[in-house]
Amino acid sequence: MRVRFLKDRLWTPPEDRRLTVAYKAGMEETVKRAWGEQMVREGVAVEIAAPPRTTDEPGSPPAPKRAKAAA
C-alpha cells in the first residue's frame, strides 16, 4: 500500500515492539497494508496510487535480467 503522510508519525508495529519507524509529513512510502490502513483511519496518512514501474510504460525497455548467484 502506498501512502503519503500528512503528519509526522512514530510507528511501532504491533508484531515487533522492538522496532520504531519515523515518518515525516510529506513522505510517500510503501508500507504493509495493515499498517497503512490503520494510519489512514487515524488521519495520519492518505492512500495514493503507486508510481508506474518502468516496464509498465509503453516503449520502455524490458527489466534487466538478474545474475545468478554463484554456488
PDB file of N, CA and C in Angstrom:
ATOM      1  N   MET A   1       0.846  -1.165   0.000  1.00  0.00           N
ATOM      2  CA  MET A   1       0.000   0.000   0.000  1.00  0.00           C
ATOM      3  C   MET A   1       0.895   1.232   0.000  1.00  0.00           C
ATOM      4  N   ARG A   2       0.606   2.154  -0.881  1.00  0.00           N
ATOM      5  CA  ARG A   2       1.397   3.384  -0.986  1.00  0.00           C
ATOM      6  C   ARG A   2       0.636   4.501  -0.269  1.00  0.00           C
ATOM      7  N   VAL A   3       1.320   5.238   0.613  1.00  0.00           N
ATOM      8  CA  VAL A   3       0.677   6.308   1.365  1.00  0.00           C
ATOM      9  C   VAL A   3       1.529   7.572   1.353  1.00  0.00           C
ATOM     10  N   ARG A   4       0.849   8.703   1.554  1.00  0.00           N
ATOM     11  CA  ARG A   4       1.525   9.991   1.770  1.00  0.00           C
ATOM     12  C   ARG A   4       1.186  10.412   3.195  1.00  0.00           C
ATOM     13  N   PHE A   5       2.195  10.743   3.960  1.00  0.00           N
ATOM     14  CA  PHE A   5       1.991  11.118   5.353  1.00  0.00           C
ATOM     15  C   PHE A   5       1.625  12.589   5.464  1.00  0.00           C
ATOM     16  N   LEU A   6       0.580  12.847   6.249  1.00  0.00           N
ATOM     17  CA  LEU A   6       0.092  14.202   6.450  1.00  0.00           C
ATOM     18  C   LEU A   6       0.703  14.839   7.694  1.00  0.00           C
ATOM     19  N   LYS A   7       1.143  13.999   8.619  1.00  0.00           N
ATOM     20  CA  LYS A   7       1.734  14.447   9.877  1.00  0.00           C
ATOM     21  C   LYS A   7       2.951  13.588  10.181  1.00  0.00           C
ATOM     22  N   ASP A   8       3.865  14.113  10.998  1.00  0.00           N
ATOM     23  CA  ASP A   8       4.977  13.293  11.474  1.00  0.00           C
ATOM     24  C   ASP A   8       4.402  12.162  12.325  1.00  0.00           C
ATOM     25  N   ARG A   9       5.022  10.986  12.236  1.00  0.00           N
ATOM     26  CA  ARG A   9       4.475   9.832  12.953  1.00  0.00           C
ATOM     27  C   ARG A   9       5.588   8.878  13.322  1.00  0.00           C
ATOM     28  N   LEU A  10       5.637   8.485  14.582  1.00  0.00           N
ATOM     29  CA  LEU A  10       6.496   7.394  15.013  1.00  0.00           C
ATOM     30  C   LEU A  10       5.618   6.155  15.042  1.00  0.00           C
ATOM     31  N   TRP A  11       6.002   5.115  14.322  1.00  0.00           N
ATOM     32  CA  TRP A  11       5.171   3.917  14.200  1.00  0.00           C
ATOM     33  C   TRP A  11       5.894   2.727  14.790  1.00  0.00           C
ATOM     34  N   THR A  12       5.261   2.065  15.744  1.00  0.00           N
ATOM     35  CA  THR A  12       5.761   0.823  16.305  1.00  0.00           C
ATOM     36  C   THR A  12       4.777  -0.265  15.906  1.00  0.00           C
ATOM     37  N   PRO A  13       5.174  -1.150  15.001  1.00  0.00           N
ATOM     38  CA  PRO A  13       4.245  -2.195  14.549  1.00  0.00           C
ATOM     39  C   PRO A  13       3.905  -3.155  15.689  1.00  0.00           C
ATOM     40  N   PRO A  14       2.653  -3.575  15.753  1.00  0.00           N
ATOM     41  CA  PRO A  14       2.245  -4.481  16.835  1.00  0.00           C
ATOM     42  C   PRO A  14       2.955  -5.832  16.800  1.00  0.00           C
ATOM     43  N   GLU A  15       3.397  -6.272  15.613  1.00  0.00           N
ATOM     44  CA  GLU A  15       4.051  -7.579  15.537  1.00  0.00           C
ATOM     45  C   GLU A  15       5.518  -7.563  15.966  1.00  0.00           C
ATOM     46  N   ASP A  16       6.115  -6.375  16.128  1.00  0.00           N
ATOM     47  CA  ASP A  16       7.519  -6.282  16.572  1.00  0.00           C
ATOM     48  C   ASP A  16       7.700  -4.992  17.356  1.00  0.00           C
ATOM     49  N   ARG A  17       7.494  -5.054  18.662  1.00  0.00           N
ATOM     50  CA  ARG A  17       7.558  -3.861  19.510  1.00  0.00           C
ATOM     51  C   ARG A  17       8.977  -3.323  19.673  1.00  0.00           C
ATOM     52  N   ARG A  18       9.989  -4.035  19.165  1.00  0.00           N
ATOM     53  CA  ARG A  18      11.378  -3.550  19.257  1.00  0.00           C
ATOM     54  C   ARG A  18      11.698  -2.549  18.157  1.00  0.00           C
ATOM     55  N   LEU A  19      10.810  -2.406  17.191  1.00  0.00           N
ATOM     56  CA  LEU A  19      11.044  -1.579  16.017  1.00  0.00           C
ATOM     57  C   LEU A  19      10.194  -0.311  16.083  1.00  0.00           C
ATOM     58  N   THR A  20      10.793   0.834  15.757  1.00  0.00           N
ATOM     59  CA  THR A  20      10.039   2.084  15.624  1.00  0.00           C
ATOM     60  C   THR A  20      10.498   2.750  14.346  1.00  0.00           C
ATOM     61  N   VAL A  21       9.550   3.140  13.500  1.00  0.00           N
ATOM     62  CA  VAL A  21       9.844   3.790  12.228  1.00  0.00           C
ATOM     63  C   VAL A  21       9.360   5.228  12.310  1.00  0.00           C
ATOM     64  N   ALA A  22      10.205   6.183  11.924  1.00  0.00           N
ATOM     65  CA  ALA A  22       9.838   7.593  11.931  1.00  0.00           C
ATOM     66  C   ALA A  22       9.446   8.013  10.520  1.00  0.00           C
ATOM     67  N   TYR A  23       8.216   8.489  10.366  1.00  0.00           N
ATOM     68  CA  TYR A  23       7.726   9.004   9.092  1.00  0.00           C
ATOM     69  C   TYR A  23       7.535  10.506   9.231  1.00  0.00           C
ATOM     70  N   LYS A  24       7.972  11.262   8.257  1.00  0.00           N
ATOM     71  CA  LYS A  24       7.828  12.717   8.257  1.00  0.00           C
ATOM     72  C   LYS A  24       6.671  13.131   7.358  1.00  0.00           C
ATOM     73  N   ALA A  25       6.013  14.221   7.696  1.00  0.00           N
ATOM     74  CA  ALA A  25       4.925  14.746   6.868  1.00  0.00           C
ATOM     75  C   ALA A  25       5.447  14.991   5.458  1.00  0.00           C
ATOM     76  N   GLY A  26       4.672  14.583   4.458  1.00  0.00           N
ATOM     77  CA  GLY A  26       5.056  14.753   3.061  1.00  0.00           C
ATOM     78  C   GLY A  26       5.749  13.556   2.443  1.00  0.00           C
ATOM     79  N   MET A  27       6.222  12.627   3.268  1.00  0.00           N
ATOM     80  CA  MET A  27       6.878  11.427   2.733  1.00  0.00           C
ATOM     81  C   MET A  27       5.860  10.560   2.013  1.00  0.00           C
ATOM     82  N   GLU A  28       6.285   9.932   0.929  1.00  0.00           N
ATOM     83  CA  GLU A  28       5.477   8.953   0.209  1.00  0.00           C
ATOM     84  C   GLU A  28       6.220   7.637   0.285  1.00  0.00           C
ATOM     85  N   GLU A  29       5.587   6.657   0.910  1.00  0.00           N
ATOM     86  CA  GLU A  29       6.247   5.376   1.153  1.00  0.00           C
ATOM     87  C   GLU A  29       5.305   4.214   0.866  1.00  0.00           C
ATOM     88  N   THR A  30       5.886   3.057   0.612  1.00  0.00           N
ATOM     89  CA  THR A  30       5.133   1.819   0.522  1.00  0.00           C
ATOM     90  C   THR A  30       5.229   1.152   1.889  1.00  0.00           C
ATOM     91  N   VAL A  31       4.070   0.843   2.474  1.00  0.00           N
ATOM     92  CA  VAL A  31       4.026   0.225   3.795  1.00  0.00           C
ATOM     93  C   VAL A  31       3.145  -1.021   3.728  1.00  0.00           C
ATOM     94  N   LYS A  32       3.228  -1.860   4.750  1.00  0.00           N
ATOM     95  CA  LYS A  32       2.344  -3.020   4.815  1.00  0.00           C
ATOM     96  C   LYS A  32       0.902  -2.529   4.837  1.00  0.00           C
ATOM     97  N   ARG A  33       0.017  -3.250   4.169  1.00  0.00           N
ATOM     98  CA  ARG A  33      -1.383  -2.832   4.058  1.00  0.00           C
ATOM     99  C   ARG A  33      -2.021  -2.606   5.432  1.00  0.00           C
ATOM    100  N   ALA A  34      -1.798  -3.506   6.376  1.00  0.00           N
ATOM    101  CA  ALA A  34      -2.398  -3.363   7.712  1.00  0.00           C
ATOM    102  C   ALA A  34      -1.921  -2.073   8.381  1.00  0.00           C
ATOM    103  N   TRP A  35      -0.644  -1.753   8.230  1.00  0.00           N
ATOM    104  CA  TRP A  35      -0.109  -0.528   8.819  1.00  0.00           C
ATOM    105  C   TRP A  35      -0.743   0.693   8.151  1.00  0.00           C
ATOM    106  N   GLY A  36      -0.771   0.679   6.814  1.00  0.00           N
ATOM    107  CA  GLY A  36      -1.311   1.806   6.069  1.00  0.00           C
ATOM    108  C   GLY A  36      -2.776   2.059   6.374  1.00  0.00           C
ATOM    109  N   GLU A  37      -3.557   0.985   6.452  1.00  0.00           N
ATOM    110  CA  GLU A  37      -4.983   1.146   6.751  1.00  0.00           C
ATOM    111  C   GLU A  37      -5.191   1.759   8.125  1.00  0.00           C
ATOM    112  N   GLN A  38      -4.379   1.358   9.096  1.00  0.00           N
ATOM    113  CA  GLN A  38      -4.506   1.938  10.434  1.00  0.00           C
ATOM    114  C   GLN A  38      -4.113   3.412  10.429  1.00  0.00           C
ATOM    115  N   MET A  39      -3.060   3.761   9.722  1.00  0.00           N
ATOM    116  CA  MET A  39      -2.623   5.164   9.663  1.00  0.00           C
ATOM    117  C   MET A  39      -3.655   6.033   8.947  1.00  0.00           C
ATOM    118  N   VAL A  40      -4.289   5.502   7.914  1.00  0.00           N
ATOM    119  CA  VAL A  40      -5.343   6.238   7.209  1.00  0.00           C
ATOM    120  C   VAL A  40      -6.530   6.463   8.151  1.00  0.00           C
ATOM    121  N   ARG A  41      -6.923   5.434   8.907  1.00  0.00           N
ATOM    122  CA  ARG A  41      -8.027   5.570   9.873  1.00  0.00           C
ATOM    123  C   ARG A  41      -7.719   6.635  10.917  1.00  0.00           C
ATOM    124  N   GLU A  42      -6.449   6.726  11.331  1.00  0.00           N
ATOM    125  CA  GLU A  42      -6.043   7.693  12.349  1.00  0.00           C
ATOM    126  C   GLU A  42      -5.890   9.108  11.776  1.00  0.00           C
ATOM    127  N   GLY A  43      -5.951   9.249  10.449  1.00  0.00           N
ATOM    128  CA  GLY A  43      -5.816  10.569   9.833  1.00  0.00           C
ATOM    129  C   GLY A  43      -4.387  11.044   9.681  1.00  0.00           C
ATOM    130  N   VAL A  44      -3.432  10.138   9.801  1.00  0.00           N
ATOM    131  CA  VAL A  44      -2.018  10.482   9.710  1.00  0.00           C
ATOM    132  C   VAL A  44      -1.522  10.403   8.266  1.00  0.00           C
ATOM    133  N   ALA A  45      -2.207   9.595   7.436  1.00  0.00           N
ATOM    134  CA  ALA A  45      -1.767   9.366   6.060  1.00  0.00           C
ATOM    135  C   ALA A  45      -2.980   9.216   5.147  1.00  0.00           C
ATOM    136  N   VAL A  46      -2.720   9.360   3.840  1.00  0.00           N
ATOM    137  CA  VAL A  46      -3.746   9.107   2.828  1.00  0.00           C
ATOM    138  C   VAL A  46      -3.161   8.123   1.823  1.00  0.00           C
ATOM    139  N   GLU A  47      -4.027   7.252   1.303  1.00  0.00           N
ATOM    140  CA  GLU A  47      -3.572   6.283   0.303  1.00  0.00           C
ATOM    141  C   GLU A  47      -3.416   6.987  -1.033  1.00  0.00           C
ATOM    142  N   ILE A  48      -2.340   6.670  -1.734  1.00  0.00           N
ATOM    143  CA  ILE A  48      -2.094   7.238  -3.061  1.00  0.00           C
ATOM    144  C   ILE A  48      -1.814   6.101  -4.035  1.00  0.00           C
ATOM    145  N   ALA A  49      -1.875   6.413  -5.307  1.00  0.00           N
ATOM    146  CA  ALA A  49      -1.572   5.415  -6.334  1.00  0.00           C
ATOM    147  C   ALA A  49      -0.064   5.186  -6.375  1.00  0.00           C
ATOM    148  N   ALA A  50       0.325   3.946  -6.560  1.00  0.00           N
ATOM    149  CA  ALA A  50       1.750   3.619  -6.676  1.00  0.00           C
ATOM    150  C   ALA A  50       2.281   4.164  -7.991  1.00  0.00           C
ATOM    151  N   PRO A  51       3.541   4.626  -8.010  1.00  0.00           N
ATOM    152  CA  PRO A  51       4.106   5.115  -9.265  1.00  0.00           C
ATOM    153  C   PRO A  51       4.250   3.969 -10.259  1.00  0.00           C
ATOM    154  N   PRO A  52       4.138   4.245 -11.540  1.00  0.00           N
ATOM    155  CA  PRO A  52       4.261   3.162 -12.528  1.00  0.00           C
ATOM    156  C   PRO A  52       5.685   2.605 -12.547  1.00  0.00           C
ATOM    157  N   ARG A  53       5.792   1.338 -12.793  1.00  0.00           N
ATOM    158  CA  ARG A  53       7.107   0.718 -12.937  1.00  0.00           C
ATOM    159  C   ARG A  53       7.626   1.039 -14.330  1.00  0.00           C
ATOM    160  N   THR A  54       8.923   1.047 -14.494  1.00  0.00           N
ATOM    161  CA  THR A  54       9.491   1.396 -15.800  1.00  0.00           C
ATOM    162  C   THR A  54       9.028   0.440 -16.880  1.00  0.00           C
ATOM    163  N   THR A  55       8.807  -0.827 -16.536  1.00  0.00           N
ATOM    164  CA  THR A  55       8.368  -1.786 -17.544  1.00  0.00           C
ATOM    165  C   THR A  55       6.887  -1.652 -17.863  1.00  0.00           C
ATOM    166  N   ASP A  56       6.142  -0.869 -17.071  1.00  0.00           N
ATOM    167  CA  ASP A  56       4.719  -0.658 -17.318  1.00  0.00           C
ATOM    168  C   ASP A  56       4.471   0.439 -18.358  1.00  0.00           C
ATOM    169  N   GLU A  57       5.466   1.271 -18.595  1.00  0.00           N
ATOM    170  CA  GLU A  57       5.292   2.384 -19.512  1.00  0.00           C
ATOM    171  C   GLU A  57       5.476   1.918 -20.956  1.00  0.00           C
ATOM    172  N   PRO A  58       4.617   2.369 -21.863  1.00  0.00           N
ATOM    173  CA  PRO A  58       4.760   1.964 -23.265  1.00  0.00           C
ATOM    174  C   PRO A  58       6.129   2.368 -23.818  1.00  0.00           C
ATOM    175  N   GLY A  59       6.758   1.452 -24.519  1.00  0.00           N
ATOM    176  CA  GLY A  59       8.050   1.741 -25.147  1.00  0.00           C
ATOM    177  C   GLY A  59       9.240   1.619 -24.224  1.00  0.00           C
ATOM    178  N   SER A  60       9.029   1.231 -22.967  1.00  0.00           N
ATOM    179  CA  SER A  60      10.159   1.127 -22.050  1.00  0.00           C
ATOM    180  C   SER A  60      10.901  -0.190 -22.302  1.00  0.00           C
ATOM    181  N   PRO A  61      12.194  -0.203 -22.007  1.00  0.00           N
ATOM    182  CA  PRO A  61      12.969  -1.433 -22.211  1.00  0.00           C
ATOM    183  C   PRO A  61      12.553  -2.502 -21.216  1.00  0.00           C
ATOM    184  N   PRO A  62      12.786  -3.751 -21.528  1.00  0.00           N
ATOM    185  CA  PRO A  62      12.446  -4.828 -20.578  1.00  0.00           C
ATOM    186  C   PRO A  62      13.300  -4.715 -19.316  1.00  0.00           C
ATOM    187  N   ALA A  63      12.817  -5.280 -18.241  1.00  0.00           N
ATOM    188  CA  ALA A  63      13.543  -5.260 -16.976  1.00  0.00           C
ATOM    189  C   ALA A  63      14.870  -6.008 -17.146  1.00  0.00           C
ATOM    190  N   PRO A  64      15.944  -5.529 -16.487  1.00  0.00           N
ATOM    191  CA  PRO A  64      17.231  -6.229 -16.617  1.00  0.00           C
ATOM    192  C   PRO A  64      17.160  -7.610 -15.993  1.00  0.00           C
ATOM    193  N   LYS A  65      17.902  -8.549 -16.583  1.00  0.00           N
ATOM    194  CA  LYS A  65      17.946  -9.904 -16.063  1.00  0.00           C
ATOM    195  C   LYS A  65      18.855  -9.927 -14.857  1.00  0.00           C
ATOM    196  N   ARG A  66      18.462 -10.701 -13.852  1.00  0.00           N
ATOM    197  CA  ARG A  66      19.277 -10.838 -12.649  1.00  0.00           C
ATOM    198  C   ARG A  66      20.370 -11.860 -12.871  1.00  0.00           C
ATOM    199  N   ALA A  67      21.543 -11.576 -12.344  1.00  0.00           N
ATOM    200  CA  ALA A  67      22.641 -12.535 -12.430  1.00  0.00           C
ATOM    201  C   ALA A  67      22.414 -13.655 -11.436  1.00  0.00           C
ATOM    202  N   LYS A  68      22.742 -14.871 -11.820  1.00  0.00           N
ATOM    203  CA  LYS A  68      22.569 -15.998 -10.931  1.00  0.00           C
ATOM    204  C   LYS A  68      23.673 -15.987  -9.886  1.00  0.00           C
ATOM    205  N   ALA A  69      23.317 -16.299  -8.660  1.00  0.00           N
ATOM    206  CA  ALA A  69      24.291 -16.338  -7.573  1.00  0.00           C
ATOM    207  C   ALA A  69      25.229 -17.519  -7.755  1.00  0.00           C
ATOM    208  N   ALA A  70      26.484 -17.300  -7.427  1.00  0.00           N
ATOM    209  CA  ALA A  70      27.466 -18.377  -7.512  1.00  0.00           C
ATOM    210  C   ALA A  70      27.236 -19.354  -6.367  1.00  0.00           C
ATOM    211  N   ALA A  71      27.399 -20.636  -6.656  1.00  0.00           N
ATOM    212  CA  ALA A  71      27.146 -21.659  -5.627  1.00  0.00           C
ATOM    213  C   ALA A  71      28.335 -21.838  -4.728  1.00  0.00           C
TER     214      ALA A  71
END
